């Protein structure tokens, strides 16, 4: 298929050297993205994005905003780049094609949460397999897993 009409919109906020948080959105419109960014990113943050139109106003809500222009073959300018989030998306997409092979829109938020957890609890942040397992178990305390059908 050509175009993007068959794709789901995902916004991922990544702190360099830190954690990730992803959201499944209805659209890439600024009024869908800005409230999520403002609710999840500290105002003193310096944002770095690509040149997409929906990112243009972010600087007015944060300490600053710099953009790399991929359409002009610009991928890094000094310390400004979007490679961190693009690397996370690369891992997510490879897993979706190679391991899971299909993800319905209904369950996309679950897959995103899994990858956010993996990224936010990686060896690069000092979390080993035992620590990751302990954090996972702590996250399910007091919760019951249920699966409801529409029948």
N, C-alpha and C. Protein backbone atom coordinates (compact mmCIF):
# COMPACT_ATOMS: atom_id res chain seq x y z
N UNK A 1 0.83 -1.19 0.00
CA UNK A 1 0.00 0.00 0.00
C UNK A 1 0.87 1.25 0.00
N UNK A 2 0.44 2.21 -0.73
CA UNK A 2 1.15 3.48 -0.76
C UNK A 2 0.48 4.47 0.18
N UNK A 3 1.22 5.46 0.60
CA UNK A 3 0.66 6.48 1.48
C UNK A 3 0.69 6.04 2.93
N UNK A 4 0.04 6.82 3.78
CA UNK A 4 0.08 6.53 5.21
C UNK A 4 -1.31 6.27 5.80
N UNK A 5 -2.33 6.15 4.95
CA UNK A 5 -3.69 5.98 5.47
C UNK A 5 -3.88 4.68 6.24
N UNK A 6 -3.04 3.69 6.01
CA UNK A 6 -3.17 2.41 6.70
C UNK A 6 -2.31 2.32 7.97
N UNK A 7 -1.61 3.38 8.30
CA UNK A 7 -0.70 3.36 9.44
C UNK A 7 -1.34 3.97 10.68
N UNK A 8 -0.92 3.50 11.84
CA UNK A 8 -1.36 4.07 13.10
C UNK A 8 -0.38 5.18 13.51
N UNK A 9 -0.89 6.18 14.18
CA UNK A 9 -0.07 7.30 14.62
C UNK A 9 0.44 7.01 16.04
N UNK A 10 1.75 7.09 16.20
CA UNK A 10 2.38 6.86 17.49
C UNK A 10 3.30 8.04 17.80
N UNK A 11 3.18 8.57 18.99
CA UNK A 11 4.07 9.62 19.48
C UNK A 11 4.92 8.99 20.58
N UNK A 12 6.22 9.09 20.44
CA UNK A 12 7.12 8.59 21.48
C UNK A 12 8.00 9.73 21.96
N UNK A 13 8.03 9.91 23.26
CA UNK A 13 8.89 10.90 23.90
C UNK A 13 10.04 10.14 24.53
N UNK A 14 11.26 10.51 24.17
CA UNK A 14 12.44 9.80 24.68
C UNK A 14 13.39 10.81 25.30
N UNK A 15 13.80 10.50 26.51
CA UNK A 15 14.82 11.31 27.17
C UNK A 15 16.17 10.69 26.83
N UNK A 16 17.06 11.47 26.28
CA UNK A 16 18.37 10.92 25.94
C UNK A 16 19.04 10.34 27.17
N UNK A 17 19.47 9.10 27.04
CA UNK A 17 20.11 8.42 28.16
C UNK A 17 19.12 8.06 29.24
N UNK A 18 17.84 8.09 28.93
CA UNK A 18 16.81 7.83 29.93
C UNK A 18 15.69 6.97 29.41
N UNK A 19 14.50 7.33 29.78
CA UNK A 19 13.33 6.50 29.54
C UNK A 19 12.54 6.95 28.31
N UNK A 20 11.59 6.08 27.92
CA UNK A 20 10.72 6.37 26.79
C UNK A 20 9.27 6.21 27.21
N UNK A 21 8.41 6.97 26.56
CA UNK A 21 6.97 6.86 26.80
C UNK A 21 6.27 7.06 25.46
N UNK A 22 5.42 6.10 25.09
CA UNK A 22 4.75 6.13 23.79
C UNK A 22 3.24 6.24 23.93
N UNK A 23 2.63 6.85 22.92
CA UNK A 23 1.19 7.08 22.92
C UNK A 23 0.63 6.79 21.54
N UNK A 24 -0.49 6.11 21.49
CA UNK A 24 -1.21 5.89 20.24
C UNK A 24 -2.20 7.04 20.10
N UNK A 25 -2.09 7.79 19.00
CA UNK A 25 -2.90 8.99 18.81
C UNK A 25 -3.87 8.83 17.64
N UNK A 26 -4.86 9.67 17.64
CA UNK A 26 -5.84 9.67 16.56
C UNK A 26 -5.27 10.32 15.30
N UNK A 27 -4.38 11.30 15.47
CA UNK A 27 -3.84 12.01 14.32
C UNK A 27 -2.50 12.64 14.67
N UNK A 28 -1.87 13.21 13.64
CA UNK A 28 -0.62 13.93 13.87
C UNK A 28 -0.87 15.43 13.98
N UNK A 29 -2.08 15.81 14.25
CA UNK A 29 -2.39 17.23 14.39
C UNK A 29 -1.77 17.78 15.66
N UNK A 30 -1.39 19.03 15.58
CA UNK A 30 -0.73 19.69 16.71
C UNK A 30 -1.57 19.63 17.98
N UNK A 31 -2.88 19.79 17.87
CA UNK A 31 -3.73 19.80 19.06
C UNK A 31 -3.86 18.41 19.69
N UNK A 32 -3.45 17.35 18.99
CA UNK A 32 -3.39 16.02 19.60
C UNK A 32 -2.04 15.80 20.30
N UNK A 33 -0.98 16.37 19.74
CA UNK A 33 0.38 16.13 20.24
C UNK A 33 0.75 17.05 21.39
N UNK A 34 0.47 18.33 21.27
CA UNK A 34 0.93 19.30 22.27
C UNK A 34 0.45 19.01 23.70
N UNK A 35 -0.81 18.64 23.93
CA UNK A 35 -1.22 18.36 25.31
C UNK A 35 -0.45 17.18 25.93
N UNK A 36 -0.14 16.18 25.13
CA UNK A 36 0.61 15.03 25.64
C UNK A 36 2.04 15.44 25.95
N UNK A 37 2.65 16.21 25.06
CA UNK A 37 4.02 16.68 25.32
C UNK A 37 4.06 17.54 26.57
N UNK A 38 3.11 18.47 26.71
CA UNK A 38 3.10 19.36 27.88
C UNK A 38 2.85 18.60 29.17
N UNK A 39 2.06 17.53 29.12
CA UNK A 39 1.75 16.76 30.33
C UNK A 39 2.89 15.81 30.73
N UNK A 40 3.78 15.48 29.80
CA UNK A 40 4.79 14.46 30.07
C UNK A 40 6.23 14.95 30.00
N UNK A 41 6.43 16.20 29.60
CA UNK A 41 7.79 16.72 29.47
C UNK A 41 7.92 17.97 30.34
N UNK A 42 8.97 18.04 31.10
CA UNK A 42 9.22 19.19 31.98
C UNK A 42 9.41 20.45 31.14
N UNK A 43 8.85 21.57 31.56
CA UNK A 43 8.95 22.82 30.79
C UNK A 43 10.39 23.29 30.56
N UNK A 44 11.34 22.88 31.41
CA UNK A 44 12.73 23.30 31.25
C UNK A 44 13.48 22.45 30.21
N UNK A 45 12.78 21.56 29.55
CA UNK A 45 13.39 20.66 28.58
C UNK A 45 13.64 21.37 27.26
N UNK A 46 14.77 21.03 26.64
CA UNK A 46 15.07 21.50 25.29
C UNK A 46 14.68 20.38 24.35
N UNK A 47 13.64 20.59 23.55
CA UNK A 47 13.10 19.56 22.65
C UNK A 47 13.89 19.51 21.35
N UNK A 48 14.02 18.30 20.80
CA UNK A 48 14.66 18.10 19.50
C UNK A 48 13.76 17.19 18.68
N UNK A 49 13.40 17.64 17.47
CA UNK A 49 12.50 16.88 16.62
C UNK A 49 12.95 16.98 15.17
N UNK A 50 12.19 16.30 14.31
CA UNK A 50 12.39 16.50 12.88
C UNK A 50 11.51 17.66 12.42
N UNK A 51 11.47 17.88 11.12
CA UNK A 51 10.82 19.08 10.58
C UNK A 51 9.31 18.97 10.41
N UNK A 52 8.70 17.91 10.86
CA UNK A 52 7.26 17.72 10.66
C UNK A 52 6.47 18.93 11.18
N UNK A 53 5.42 19.30 10.45
CA UNK A 53 4.64 20.49 10.80
C UNK A 53 4.07 20.45 12.21
N UNK A 54 3.65 19.27 12.66
CA UNK A 54 3.04 19.19 13.99
C UNK A 54 4.03 19.44 15.11
N UNK A 55 5.31 19.48 14.82
CA UNK A 55 6.33 19.76 15.83
C UNK A 55 6.73 21.23 15.91
N UNK A 56 6.27 22.04 14.98
CA UNK A 56 6.76 23.41 14.83
C UNK A 56 6.55 24.29 16.05
N UNK A 57 5.49 24.14 16.78
CA UNK A 57 5.17 25.04 17.89
C UNK A 57 5.70 24.57 19.25
N UNK A 58 6.37 23.43 19.30
CA UNK A 58 6.79 22.88 20.59
C UNK A 58 7.69 23.82 21.38
N UNK A 59 8.51 24.58 20.71
CA UNK A 59 9.43 25.47 21.39
C UNK A 59 8.75 26.48 22.29
N UNK A 60 7.53 26.85 21.97
CA UNK A 60 6.83 27.84 22.78
C UNK A 60 6.40 27.28 24.14
N UNK A 61 6.41 25.98 24.31
CA UNK A 61 5.99 25.34 25.56
C UNK A 61 7.17 24.88 26.42
N UNK A 62 8.36 24.89 25.84
CA UNK A 62 9.53 24.34 26.53
C UNK A 62 10.69 25.32 26.48
N UNK A 63 11.80 24.95 27.10
CA UNK A 63 12.96 25.85 27.17
C UNK A 63 13.50 26.18 25.79
N UNK A 64 13.29 25.30 24.85
CA UNK A 64 13.74 25.54 23.49
C UNK A 64 13.37 24.38 22.61
N UNK A 65 13.60 24.56 21.32
CA UNK A 65 13.24 23.53 20.36
C UNK A 65 14.16 23.69 19.16
N UNK A 66 14.83 22.61 18.80
CA UNK A 66 15.67 22.63 17.60
C UNK A 66 15.21 21.51 16.69
N UNK A 67 15.42 21.70 15.40
CA UNK A 67 14.87 20.80 14.39
C UNK A 67 15.97 20.36 13.44
N UNK A 68 15.95 19.09 13.07
CA UNK A 68 16.78 18.61 11.96
C UNK A 68 15.85 18.41 10.77
N UNK A 69 16.34 18.78 9.61
CA UNK A 69 15.51 18.75 8.41
C UNK A 69 15.90 17.55 7.55
N UNK A 70 15.21 16.44 7.75
CA UNK A 70 15.51 15.21 7.01
C UNK A 70 15.29 15.37 5.51
N UNK A 71 14.31 16.20 5.13
CA UNK A 71 14.03 16.37 3.70
C UNK A 71 15.19 17.05 2.97
N UNK A 72 16.08 17.69 3.72
CA UNK A 72 17.28 18.31 3.13
C UNK A 72 18.53 17.51 3.49
N UNK A 73 18.34 16.23 3.78
CA UNK A 73 19.44 15.32 4.14
C UNK A 73 20.22 15.77 5.36
N UNK A 74 19.55 16.45 6.27
CA UNK A 74 20.18 16.84 7.53
C UNK A 74 19.68 15.89 8.61
N UNK A 75 20.60 15.19 9.25
CA UNK A 75 20.22 14.22 10.27
C UNK A 75 20.83 14.55 11.63
N UNK A 76 21.94 15.28 11.62
CA UNK A 76 22.59 15.71 12.86
C UNK A 76 23.16 17.10 12.63
N UNK A 77 22.94 17.97 13.60
CA UNK A 77 23.55 19.29 13.59
C UNK A 77 24.02 19.56 15.00
N UNK A 78 25.32 19.43 15.23
CA UNK A 78 25.84 19.57 16.59
C UNK A 78 25.27 18.47 17.46
N UNK A 79 24.56 18.87 18.51
CA UNK A 79 23.94 17.91 19.43
C UNK A 79 22.48 17.65 19.08
N UNK A 80 21.99 18.26 18.01
CA UNK A 80 20.59 18.12 17.63
C UNK A 80 20.40 16.98 16.66
N UNK A 81 19.57 16.03 17.05
CA UNK A 81 19.21 14.91 16.17
C UNK A 81 17.99 14.21 16.75
N UNK A 82 17.35 13.41 15.93
CA UNK A 82 16.22 12.60 16.39
C UNK A 82 16.57 11.12 16.32
N UNK A 83 17.87 10.80 16.31
CA UNK A 83 18.32 9.42 16.17
C UNK A 83 17.91 8.53 17.34
N UNK A 84 17.77 9.10 18.53
CA UNK A 84 17.41 8.31 19.70
C UNK A 84 16.03 7.68 19.52
N UNK A 85 15.05 8.47 19.17
CA UNK A 85 13.70 7.94 18.98
C UNK A 85 13.63 7.09 17.72
N UNK A 86 14.37 7.44 16.69
CA UNK A 86 14.37 6.63 15.47
C UNK A 86 14.97 5.25 15.72
N UNK A 87 15.98 5.16 16.59
CA UNK A 87 16.54 3.87 16.97
C UNK A 87 15.52 3.02 17.71
N UNK A 88 14.76 3.64 18.60
CA UNK A 88 13.71 2.93 19.32
C UNK A 88 12.65 2.42 18.36
N UNK A 89 12.23 3.25 17.40
CA UNK A 89 11.24 2.82 16.41
C UNK A 89 11.78 1.68 15.54
N UNK A 90 13.06 1.73 15.24
CA UNK A 90 13.67 0.67 14.44
C UNK A 90 13.55 -0.68 15.13
N UNK A 91 13.85 -0.71 16.42
CA UNK A 91 13.74 -1.95 17.20
C UNK A 91 12.28 -2.39 17.26
N UNK A 92 11.37 -1.47 17.49
CA UNK A 92 9.95 -1.79 17.56
C UNK A 92 9.46 -2.38 16.23
N UNK A 93 9.80 -1.74 15.12
CA UNK A 93 9.33 -2.22 13.81
C UNK A 93 9.90 -3.59 13.47
N UNK A 94 11.19 -3.81 13.76
CA UNK A 94 11.78 -5.13 13.49
C UNK A 94 11.10 -6.21 14.31
N UNK A 95 10.77 -5.91 15.56
CA UNK A 95 10.09 -6.88 16.40
C UNK A 95 8.68 -7.16 15.90
N UNK A 96 8.01 -6.12 15.45
CA UNK A 96 6.64 -6.31 14.95
C UNK A 96 6.64 -7.17 13.69
N UNK A 97 7.66 -7.03 12.85
CA UNK A 97 7.73 -7.83 11.63
C UNK A 97 8.26 -9.23 11.89
N UNK A 98 9.23 -9.35 12.79
CA UNK A 98 9.91 -10.62 12.97
C UNK A 98 9.37 -11.50 14.07
N UNK A 99 8.87 -10.92 15.15
CA UNK A 99 8.42 -11.71 16.29
C UNK A 99 6.91 -11.77 16.34
N UNK A 100 6.28 -10.62 16.39
CA UNK A 100 4.83 -10.58 16.61
C UNK A 100 4.05 -10.68 15.31
N UNK A 101 4.58 -10.14 14.22
CA UNK A 101 4.04 -10.22 12.88
C UNK A 101 2.72 -9.50 12.65
N UNK A 102 1.92 -9.32 13.67
CA UNK A 102 0.69 -8.56 13.50
C UNK A 102 0.31 -7.93 14.84
N UNK A 103 -0.22 -6.75 14.75
CA UNK A 103 -0.70 -6.06 15.94
C UNK A 103 -1.94 -5.28 15.55
N UNK A 104 -3.04 -5.62 16.14
CA UNK A 104 -4.26 -4.87 15.83
C UNK A 104 -4.20 -3.51 16.52
N UNK A 105 -4.91 -2.55 15.97
CA UNK A 105 -4.95 -1.22 16.56
C UNK A 105 -5.48 -1.27 17.99
N UNK A 106 -6.38 -2.20 18.24
CA UNK A 106 -6.98 -2.36 19.57
C UNK A 106 -5.93 -2.64 20.64
N UNK A 107 -4.87 -3.36 20.28
CA UNK A 107 -3.86 -3.76 21.26
C UNK A 107 -2.53 -3.02 21.10
N UNK A 108 -2.46 -2.07 20.19
CA UNK A 108 -1.21 -1.37 19.94
C UNK A 108 -0.64 -0.74 21.21
N UNK A 109 -1.48 -0.17 22.04
CA UNK A 109 -0.98 0.47 23.27
C UNK A 109 -0.26 -0.53 24.17
N UNK A 110 -0.65 -1.78 24.14
CA UNK A 110 0.02 -2.81 24.94
C UNK A 110 1.43 -3.11 24.42
N UNK A 111 1.55 -3.22 23.11
CA UNK A 111 2.86 -3.45 22.52
C UNK A 111 3.78 -2.24 22.78
N UNK A 112 3.25 -1.05 22.65
CA UNK A 112 4.04 0.15 22.92
C UNK A 112 4.51 0.17 24.37
N UNK A 113 3.61 -0.20 25.29
CA UNK A 113 3.99 -0.21 26.72
C UNK A 113 5.10 -1.22 26.97
N UNK A 114 5.05 -2.36 26.30
CA UNK A 114 6.10 -3.36 26.47
C UNK A 114 7.44 -2.81 26.00
N UNK A 115 7.47 -2.17 24.85
CA UNK A 115 8.73 -1.65 24.34
C UNK A 115 9.22 -0.45 25.15
N UNK A 116 8.31 0.35 25.65
CA UNK A 116 8.72 1.44 26.54
C UNK A 116 9.37 0.87 27.79
N UNK A 117 8.78 -0.20 28.34
CA UNK A 117 9.34 -0.83 29.54
C UNK A 117 10.73 -1.39 29.23
N UNK A 118 10.87 -2.09 28.12
CA UNK A 118 12.17 -2.66 27.76
C UNK A 118 13.23 -1.56 27.61
N UNK A 119 12.86 -0.49 26.91
CA UNK A 119 13.81 0.60 26.67
C UNK A 119 14.17 1.31 27.97
N UNK A 120 13.19 1.51 28.80
CA UNK A 120 13.39 2.25 30.05
C UNK A 120 14.06 1.42 31.13
N UNK A 121 14.21 0.14 30.90
CA UNK A 121 14.84 -0.77 31.86
C UNK A 121 15.92 -1.60 31.16
N UNK A 122 16.78 -0.92 30.42
CA UNK A 122 17.80 -1.60 29.63
C UNK A 122 19.14 -1.63 30.36
N UNK A 123 20.04 -2.45 29.86
CA UNK A 123 21.37 -2.59 30.44
C UNK A 123 22.09 -1.25 30.43
N UNK A 124 21.89 -0.44 29.39
CA UNK A 124 22.53 0.86 29.29
C UNK A 124 22.17 1.80 30.43
N UNK A 125 21.07 1.51 31.12
CA UNK A 125 20.67 2.30 32.28
C UNK A 125 21.01 1.58 33.59
N UNK A 126 21.78 0.49 33.48
CA UNK A 126 22.22 -0.24 34.66
C UNK A 126 21.21 -1.27 35.17
N UNK A 127 20.25 -1.65 34.34
CA UNK A 127 19.25 -2.64 34.76
C UNK A 127 19.58 -3.97 34.10
N UNK A 128 19.89 -4.98 34.91
CA UNK A 128 20.17 -6.30 34.36
C UNK A 128 18.88 -7.11 34.28
N UNK A 129 18.99 -8.37 33.84
CA UNK A 129 17.80 -9.21 33.68
C UNK A 129 17.04 -9.39 34.99
N UNK A 130 17.78 -9.59 36.08
CA UNK A 130 17.12 -9.78 37.38
C UNK A 130 16.39 -8.50 37.80
N UNK A 131 17.03 -7.36 37.63
CA UNK A 131 16.41 -6.09 37.98
C UNK A 131 15.17 -5.82 37.14
N UNK A 132 15.24 -6.14 35.85
CA UNK A 132 14.11 -5.96 34.96
C UNK A 132 12.94 -6.85 35.37
N UNK A 133 13.24 -8.10 35.72
CA UNK A 133 12.19 -9.03 36.16
C UNK A 133 11.56 -8.54 37.46
N UNK A 134 12.38 -8.05 38.38
CA UNK A 134 11.85 -7.53 39.65
C UNK A 134 10.94 -6.32 39.42
N UNK A 135 11.35 -5.42 38.53
CA UNK A 135 10.51 -4.25 38.23
C UNK A 135 9.20 -4.65 37.56
N UNK A 136 9.27 -5.67 36.72
CA UNK A 136 8.06 -6.15 36.06
C UNK A 136 7.08 -6.72 37.07
N UNK A 137 7.59 -7.52 38.00
CA UNK A 137 6.73 -8.12 39.03
C UNK A 137 6.15 -7.03 39.93
N UNK A 138 6.95 -6.03 40.29
CA UNK A 138 6.44 -4.92 41.10
C UNK A 138 5.30 -4.19 40.40
N UNK A 139 5.36 -4.14 39.08
CA UNK A 139 4.34 -3.45 38.31
C UNK A 139 3.00 -4.16 38.26
N UNK A 140 2.98 -5.46 38.59
CA UNK A 140 1.71 -6.18 38.53
C UNK A 140 1.08 -6.42 39.89
N UNK A 141 1.76 -6.00 40.94
CA UNK A 141 1.22 -6.19 42.28
C UNK A 141 -0.12 -5.46 42.41
N UNK A 142 -1.12 -6.18 42.86
CA UNK A 142 -2.44 -5.60 43.08
C UNK A 142 -3.28 -5.45 41.83
N UNK A 143 -2.80 -5.96 40.71
CA UNK A 143 -3.56 -5.86 39.46
C UNK A 143 -3.99 -7.24 39.00
N UNK A 144 -5.12 -7.29 38.39
CA UNK A 144 -5.64 -8.55 37.88
C UNK A 144 -5.73 -8.46 36.37
N UNK A 145 -5.20 -9.45 35.69
CA UNK A 145 -5.24 -9.47 34.24
C UNK A 145 -6.55 -10.10 33.80
N UNK A 146 -7.33 -9.36 33.07
CA UNK A 146 -8.58 -9.89 32.53
C UNK A 146 -8.62 -9.60 31.04
N UNK A 147 -9.35 -10.41 30.35
CA UNK A 147 -9.51 -10.19 28.92
C UNK A 147 -10.98 -10.23 28.62
N UNK A 148 -11.48 -9.09 28.19
CA UNK A 148 -12.90 -9.00 27.90
C UNK A 148 -13.12 -9.12 26.41
N UNK A 149 -14.14 -9.84 26.04
CA UNK A 149 -14.51 -9.93 24.63
C UNK A 149 -15.75 -9.09 24.40
N UNK A 150 -16.03 -8.81 23.16
CA UNK A 150 -17.20 -7.99 22.83
C UNK A 150 -18.44 -8.84 22.65
N UNK A 151 -18.34 -10.13 22.87
CA UNK A 151 -19.51 -11.04 22.72
C UNK A 151 -20.53 -10.84 23.79
